[in-house]
Amino acid sequence: MTDDPTPALRATRLGRRFRGGWALRDCDFALPAGRITALVGPNGAGKSTLFHLATGLLRPTSGELRVFGAEPGAPAARDRTAFLAQDKPLYPRFTVDETLRFGRELNQDWDQAAAERIVRAGNIPLDARVGALSQGQATRVALAVAFGKRPELLLLDEPLADLDPLVRIEAMGLVMAEVAERGITVVMSSHVLSELENACDHVLLLGHGAVRLSGDVQQLCDTHVRITGLADPATEDGLPAALDRAAVVEAAVTGRQVHALLRHSDWSPGAPWIVENPSLEDLLLAYLRSNHQPRTAGSTEAAA
């Protein structure tokens, strides 16, 4: 675990353009070291692009991204980072032992004991061919390679997406146990929001290539409220006329009731409105469903 106060990832007006348009544009955020960050967004939001920029596989079109203060792909960043993508690129003809030996040859600070421990805990023979393993076993081997590198920053781009629910739980438990023991910084992308809620204490939500939400999970939940009450027939959206619409993330009318998620607001609904803080899953779903134009609700705005 590092005591370095430098953010694990810092983006300054970060942008990446492809032929079809901007995948990311004018992104500003700082992800703290020593935390587990949920990277959330719909398909095409720029999540995988961000991971590829962080590993140096892509270069920014504009702005910059820094990994512990260093340029992605440079030795100071590369040696501290491990990346596991959804397709888990492993050589199917290699045995598990050959896969771990390959990792050892490529990484000077390799932890063979830890890598073998992760594999053996899954009852995977070291002489088994990777191509003959189940998806869950292959994921465990890929995680063994990632943790064997002794990373300070672990980037996980939907690596559990192809697993059944029970195997997902087992694999997530493995990740959390290793992270807790080593104090690793993690940035994890997943479409299973309940999975993120149980594991993450920081969040970065992307939409339309921009930052929609960024900050500490508890602080974000504390600075948003869910309100439920009778719809006001005098307004188009059913919300009270006095409510500042700029504070509304999402609102929906169901029958005679209106439900809304609000950013921090001075407006107090009072009785008979039901007011409660959202869970992380509620918060993220509201932002994902929202049709608002991309805007940043970063830690400063959300905590105001």
Protein backbone atom coordinates (compact mmCIF):
# COMPACT_ATOMS: atom_id res chain seq x y z
CA MET A 1 0.00 0.00 0.00
CA THR A 2 1.31 3.43 -0.88
CA ASP A 3 1.27 6.45 1.45
CA ASP A 4 1.68 8.73 -1.55
CA PRO A 5 -1.10 11.40 -1.40
CA THR A 6 -0.95 11.79 -5.19
CA PRO A 7 -4.23 10.64 -6.78
CA ALA A 8 -4.10 7.20 -8.35
CA LEU A 9 -5.69 8.67 -11.49
CA ARG A 10 -6.02 12.34 -12.31
CA ALA A 11 -7.61 13.64 -15.52
CA THR A 12 -7.34 17.23 -16.67
CA ARG A 13 -9.60 18.17 -19.59
CA LEU A 14 -9.02 14.65 -20.84
CA GLY A 15 -10.35 13.82 -24.29
CA ARG A 16 -10.06 10.98 -26.76
CA ARG A 17 -11.50 11.20 -30.25
CA PHE A 18 -12.07 8.39 -32.73
CA ARG A 19 -13.35 8.57 -36.29
CA GLY A 20 -16.93 8.31 -35.07
CA GLY A 21 -16.56 11.17 -32.59
CA TRP A 22 -15.43 11.84 -29.04
CA ALA A 23 -15.37 8.85 -26.68
CA LEU A 24 -14.26 11.14 -23.83
CA ARG A 25 -14.17 14.93 -23.81
CA ASP A 26 -13.12 17.58 -21.26
CA CYS A 27 -13.06 15.10 -18.37
CA ASP A 28 -11.74 16.33 -15.02
CA PHE A 29 -11.52 14.02 -12.01
CA ALA A 30 -9.14 12.73 -9.35
CA LEU A 31 -9.48 9.18 -8.03
CA PRO A 32 -7.86 8.82 -4.59
CA ALA A 33 -5.23 6.21 -3.84
CA GLY A 34 -6.12 3.44 -1.44
CA ARG A 35 -9.81 3.42 -2.40
CA ILE A 36 -12.05 1.17 -4.49
CA THR A 37 -13.70 3.21 -7.23
CA ALA A 38 -16.76 2.10 -9.17
CA LEU A 39 -16.52 3.17 -12.81
CA VAL A 40 -20.09 3.31 -14.08
CA GLY A 41 -21.81 4.29 -17.30
CA PRO A 42 -23.91 2.90 -20.14
CA ASN A 43 -22.30 1.11 -23.06
CA GLY A 44 -20.38 3.64 -25.14
CA ALA A 45 -19.89 6.03 -22.22
CA GLY A 46 -16.09 5.83 -22.49
CA LYS A 47 -15.24 3.40 -19.68
CA SER A 48 -13.05 1.05 -21.72
CA THR A 49 -11.45 4.02 -23.45
CA LEU A 50 -10.50 5.40 -20.04
CA PHE A 51 -8.93 2.09 -19.02
CA HIS A 52 -6.94 1.95 -22.25
CA LEU A 53 -5.73 5.50 -21.70
CA ALA A 54 -4.73 4.66 -18.12
CA THR A 55 -2.62 1.70 -19.30
CA GLY A 56 -0.98 3.60 -22.15
CA LEU A 57 -2.67 1.48 -24.83
CA LEU A 58 -4.23 4.71 -26.13
CA ARG A 59 -3.02 8.29 -26.00
CA PRO A 60 -5.24 11.30 -25.30
CA THR A 61 -6.41 13.49 -28.15
CA SER A 62 -6.58 16.40 -25.72
CA GLY A 63 -5.80 17.08 -22.09
CA GLU A 64 -3.89 14.63 -19.95
CA LEU A 65 -4.22 11.63 -17.66
CA ARG A 66 -1.72 10.81 -14.92
CA VAL A 67 -1.21 7.55 -12.99
CA PHE A 68 0.31 8.34 -9.60
CA GLY A 69 1.58 11.53 -11.22
CA ALA A 70 3.29 9.72 -14.11
CA GLU A 71 2.37 9.44 -17.78
CA PRO A 72 0.49 6.20 -18.54
CA GLY A 73 2.73 3.63 -20.15
CA ALA A 74 5.89 5.12 -18.65
CA PRO A 75 7.79 2.75 -16.31
CA ALA A 76 6.79 4.78 -13.22
CA ALA A 77 3.13 4.12 -14.07
CA ARG A 78 3.30 0.78 -15.87
CA ASP A 79 5.20 -0.99 -13.08
CA ARG A 80 2.55 0.04 -10.52
CA THR A 81 -0.51 -0.90 -12.59
CA ALA A 82 -2.26 -4.15 -13.48
CA PHE A 83 -5.14 -4.29 -15.97
CA LEU A 84 -7.67 -7.08 -16.40
CA ALA A 85 -10.10 -6.71 -19.31
CA GLN A 86 -13.38 -8.54 -19.86
CA ASP A 87 -11.88 -10.91 -22.44
CA LYS A 88 -9.11 -11.92 -19.98
CA PRO A 89 -6.37 -12.43 -22.60
CA LEU A 90 -4.66 -15.70 -21.69
CA TYR A 91 -2.83 -18.12 -23.96
CA PRO A 92 -5.08 -21.21 -24.21
CA ARG A 93 -2.18 -23.54 -25.14
CA PHE A 94 -0.21 -22.57 -22.02
CA THR A 95 -0.56 -24.57 -18.84
CA VAL A 96 -1.43 -22.65 -15.69
CA ASP A 97 2.16 -23.06 -14.51
CA GLU A 98 3.49 -21.71 -17.84
CA THR A 99 1.08 -18.76 -17.56
CA LEU A 100 2.41 -17.87 -14.12
CA ARG A 101 6.00 -18.34 -15.30
CA PHE A 102 5.26 -15.99 -18.21
CA GLY A 103 4.02 -13.41 -15.72
CA ARG A 104 7.18 -13.88 -13.66
CA GLU A 105 9.38 -13.30 -16.70
CA LEU A 106 7.61 -10.06 -17.57
CA ASN A 107 7.51 -8.55 -14.07
CA GLN A 108 10.57 -7.96 -11.91
CA ASP A 109 8.56 -7.64 -8.67
CA TRP A 110 6.57 -10.81 -9.26
CA ASP A 111 4.95 -12.59 -6.28
CA GLN A 112 4.96 -16.25 -7.28
CA ALA A 113 3.70 -17.43 -3.89
CA ALA A 114 0.64 -15.18 -4.04
CA ALA A 115 -0.16 -16.16 -7.62
CA GLU A 116 0.09 -19.88 -6.84
CA ARG A 117 -1.99 -19.43 -3.67
CA ILE A 118 -4.84 -17.86 -5.65
CA VAL A 119 -4.73 -20.68 -8.22
CA ARG A 120 -4.51 -23.50 -5.68
CA ALA A 121 -7.37 -22.04 -3.64
CA GLY A 122 -9.56 -22.70 -6.68
CA ASN A 123 -8.36 -26.33 -6.89
CA ILE A 124 -6.86 -25.67 -10.32
CA PRO A 125 -3.99 -28.01 -11.25
CA LEU A 126 -0.88 -26.14 -12.32
CA ASP A 127 -0.42 -28.53 -15.24
CA ALA A 128 -3.93 -27.89 -16.64
CA ARG A 129 -4.18 -26.18 -20.03
CA VAL A 130 -5.74 -22.74 -19.83
CA GLY A 131 -7.94 -23.53 -22.83
CA ALA A 132 -9.48 -26.47 -20.94
CA LEU A 133 -10.49 -24.41 -17.89
CA SER A 134 -14.00 -23.26 -17.10
CA GLN A 135 -14.73 -19.54 -17.33
CA GLY A 136 -14.58 -19.24 -13.56
CA GLN A 137 -11.24 -21.04 -13.40
CA ALA A 138 -9.82 -18.91 -16.22
CA THR A 139 -10.91 -15.78 -14.35
CA ARG A 140 -9.13 -17.01 -11.23
CA VAL A 141 -5.93 -17.59 -13.22
CA ALA A 142 -6.20 -14.13 -14.79
CA LEU A 143 -6.65 -12.61 -11.32
CA ALA A 144 -3.63 -14.58 -10.09
CA VAL A 145 -1.54 -13.03 -12.88
CA ALA A 146 -2.86 -9.55 -12.02
CA PHE A 147 -2.16 -9.87 -8.29
CA GLY A 148 1.14 -11.63 -8.91
CA LYS A 149 2.39 -8.39 -10.42
CA ARG A 150 2.00 -6.74 -6.98
CA PRO A 151 0.20 -3.73 -8.42
CA GLU A 152 -0.58 -0.59 -6.48
CA LEU A 153 -3.39 0.17 -8.95
CA LEU A 154 -5.67 -2.58 -10.26
CA LEU A 155 -7.94 -1.76 -13.21
CA LEU A 156 -10.84 -4.19 -13.72
CA ASP A 157 -12.91 -3.73 -16.89
CA GLU A 158 -15.93 -6.04 -16.46
CA PRO A 159 -13.75 -9.12 -15.81
CA LEU A 160 -16.64 -11.00 -14.16
CA ALA A 161 -19.27 -10.27 -16.80
CA ASP A 162 -19.26 -13.77 -18.33
CA LEU A 163 -19.57 -15.62 -15.01
CA ASP A 164 -22.70 -17.08 -13.45
CA PRO A 165 -23.91 -15.40 -10.21
CA LEU A 166 -22.34 -17.90 -7.78
CA VAL A 167 -18.95 -17.78 -9.50
CA ARG A 168 -19.18 -13.97 -9.64
CA ILE A 169 -19.64 -13.88 -5.87
CA GLU A 170 -16.65 -16.18 -5.37
CA ALA A 171 -14.45 -14.16 -7.73
CA MET A 172 -15.50 -10.86 -6.13
CA GLY A 173 -14.73 -12.29 -2.71
CA LEU A 174 -11.27 -13.22 -3.96
CA VAL A 175 -10.69 -9.70 -5.28
CA MET A 176 -11.88 -8.05 -2.05
CA ALA A 177 -9.76 -10.34 0.14
CA GLU A 178 -6.59 -9.64 -1.85
CA VAL A 179 -7.29 -5.91 -2.02
CA ALA A 180 -7.89 -5.70 1.74
CA GLU A 181 -4.68 -7.61 2.50
CA ARG A 182 -2.51 -5.51 0.20
CA GLY A 183 -4.22 -2.09 0.36
CA ILE A 184 -4.44 -1.88 -3.43
CA THR A 185 -6.21 0.96 -5.23
CA VAL A 186 -8.93 -0.47 -7.49
CA VAL A 187 -10.96 1.03 -10.33
CA MET A 188 -13.69 -1.45 -11.23
CA SER A 189 -16.26 -1.31 -14.01
CA SER A 190 -19.43 -3.39 -13.74
CA HIS A 191 -23.05 -3.24 -14.86
CA VAL A 192 -24.13 -5.09 -11.70
CA LEU A 193 -24.73 -2.07 -9.48
CA SER A 194 -25.51 -4.08 -6.34
CA GLU A 195 -22.09 -5.69 -6.70
CA LEU A 196 -20.44 -2.27 -6.74
CA GLU A 197 -22.43 -1.02 -3.75
CA ASN A 198 -21.06 -3.81 -1.57
CA ALA A 199 -17.47 -3.27 -2.66
CA CYS A 200 -16.80 0.37 -3.58
CA ASP A 201 -16.33 3.53 -1.53
CA HIS A 202 -15.76 5.98 -4.41
CA VAL A 203 -17.61 6.44 -7.69
CA LEU A 204 -16.97 7.87 -11.16
CA LEU A 205 -19.97 7.91 -13.48
CA LEU A 206 -19.52 8.68 -17.17
CA GLY A 207 -22.21 9.59 -19.68
CA HIS A 208 -21.90 10.79 -23.28
CA GLY A 209 -18.12 10.86 -22.79
CA ALA A 210 -18.32 13.31 -19.88
CA VAL A 211 -18.14 13.07 -16.10
CA ARG A 212 -21.67 12.99 -14.67
CA LEU A 213 -20.82 12.16 -11.07
CA SER A 214 -17.61 11.80 -9.08
CA GLY A 215 -16.87 11.55 -5.38
CA ASP A 216 -16.97 9.61 -2.14
CA VAL A 217 -19.94 7.21 -2.05
CA GLN A 218 -21.17 8.16 1.41
CA GLN A 219 -20.81 11.86 0.73
CA LEU A 220 -22.70 11.60 -2.56
CA CYS A 221 -25.53 9.63 -0.96
CA ASP A 222 -25.71 12.13 1.91
CA THR A 223 -25.95 15.09 -0.48
CA HIS A 224 -28.80 13.67 -2.54
CA VAL A 225 -32.36 12.98 -1.42
CA ARG A 226 -35.24 10.90 -2.71
CA ILE A 227 -38.66 12.45 -2.28
CA THR A 228 -42.04 10.81 -2.70
CA GLY A 229 -45.43 12.52 -2.49
CA LEU A 230 -48.68 13.37 -4.22
CA ALA A 231 -48.15 14.80 -7.69
CA ASP A 232 -48.97 18.49 -8.02
CA PRO A 233 -51.64 18.76 -10.76
CA ALA A 234 -50.63 22.36 -11.42
CA THR A 235 -47.14 21.46 -12.72
CA GLU A 236 -46.19 19.44 -15.78
CA ASP A 237 -43.76 17.15 -13.93
CA GLY A 238 -45.90 16.77 -10.80
CA LEU A 239 -43.24 18.36 -8.59
CA PRO A 240 -43.97 21.37 -6.38
CA ALA A 241 -43.72 24.68 -8.22
CA ALA A 242 -41.29 26.07 -5.64
CA LEU A 243 -38.72 23.32 -6.27
CA ASP A 244 -35.60 24.39 -8.17
CA ARG A 245 -35.64 22.17 -11.25
CA ALA A 246 -31.85 22.45 -11.57
CA ALA A 247 -31.61 20.24 -8.49
CA VAL A 248 -33.66 17.44 -10.07
CA VAL A 249 -31.69 14.48 -11.33
CA GLU A 250 -34.71 12.38 -12.21
CA ALA A 251 -38.45 12.55 -11.62
CA ALA A 252 -41.30 10.18 -12.51
CA VAL A 253 -45.04 10.16 -11.88
CA THR A 254 -46.67 6.83 -11.01
CA GLY A 255 -50.41 7.12 -10.67
CA ARG A 256 -51.00 10.01 -8.28
CA GLN A 257 -47.51 9.87 -6.78
CA VAL A 258 -44.32 11.54 -7.92
CA HIS A 259 -40.86 10.20 -7.14
CA ALA A 260 -37.71 12.29 -7.60
CA LEU A 261 -34.02 12.29 -6.85
CA LEU A 262 -32.61 15.69 -5.98
CA ARG A 263 -29.12 17.06 -5.64
CA HIS A 264 -28.45 19.11 -2.53
CA SER A 265 -31.06 21.85 -2.37
CA ASP A 266 -32.17 24.48 0.13
CA TRP A 267 -35.77 23.55 -0.61
CA SER A 268 -37.42 21.56 2.18
CA PRO A 269 -40.55 19.67 1.15
CA GLY A 270 -41.96 19.14 4.63
CA ALA A 271 -45.00 16.97 5.33
CA PRO A 272 -46.55 14.97 3.73
CA TRP A 273 -43.49 14.28 1.56
CA ILE A 274 -41.34 11.22 2.30
CA VAL A 275 -37.68 12.25 2.24
CA GLU A 276 -34.76 9.80 2.44
CA ASN A 277 -31.17 9.48 1.32
CA PRO A 278 -30.68 7.12 -1.63
CA SER A 279 -28.59 3.98 -1.70
CA LEU A 280 -25.66 3.98 -4.12
CA GLU A 281 -27.66 1.75 -6.48
CA ASP A 282 -30.61 4.18 -6.39
CA LEU A 283 -28.28 7.11 -7.00
CA LEU A 284 -26.51 5.51 -9.96
CA LEU A 285 -29.72 4.25 -11.55
CA ALA A 286 -31.24 7.73 -11.38
CA TYR A 287 -28.23 9.26 -13.13
CA LEU A 288 -28.15 6.47 -15.71
CA ARG A 289 -31.85 6.89 -16.47
CA SER A 290 -31.67 10.65 -16.52
CA ASN A 291 -32.06 12.33 -19.89
CA HIS A 292 -30.35 15.52 -18.73
CA GLN A 293 -27.49 16.90 -20.80
CA PRO A 294 -24.05 15.71 -19.58
CA ARG A 295 -22.90 17.73 -16.63
CA THR A 296 -20.47 17.23 -13.79
CA ALA A 297 -21.88 16.68 -10.33
CA GLY A 298 -18.44 16.27 -8.84
CA SER A 299 -17.47 16.06 -5.24
CA THR A 300 -17.57 19.86 -4.82
CA GLU A 301 -21.10 20.27 -6.18
CA ALA A 302 -22.46 17.11 -4.63
CA ALA A 303 -21.06 17.93 -1.21
CA ALA A 304 -22.04 21.57 -1.23
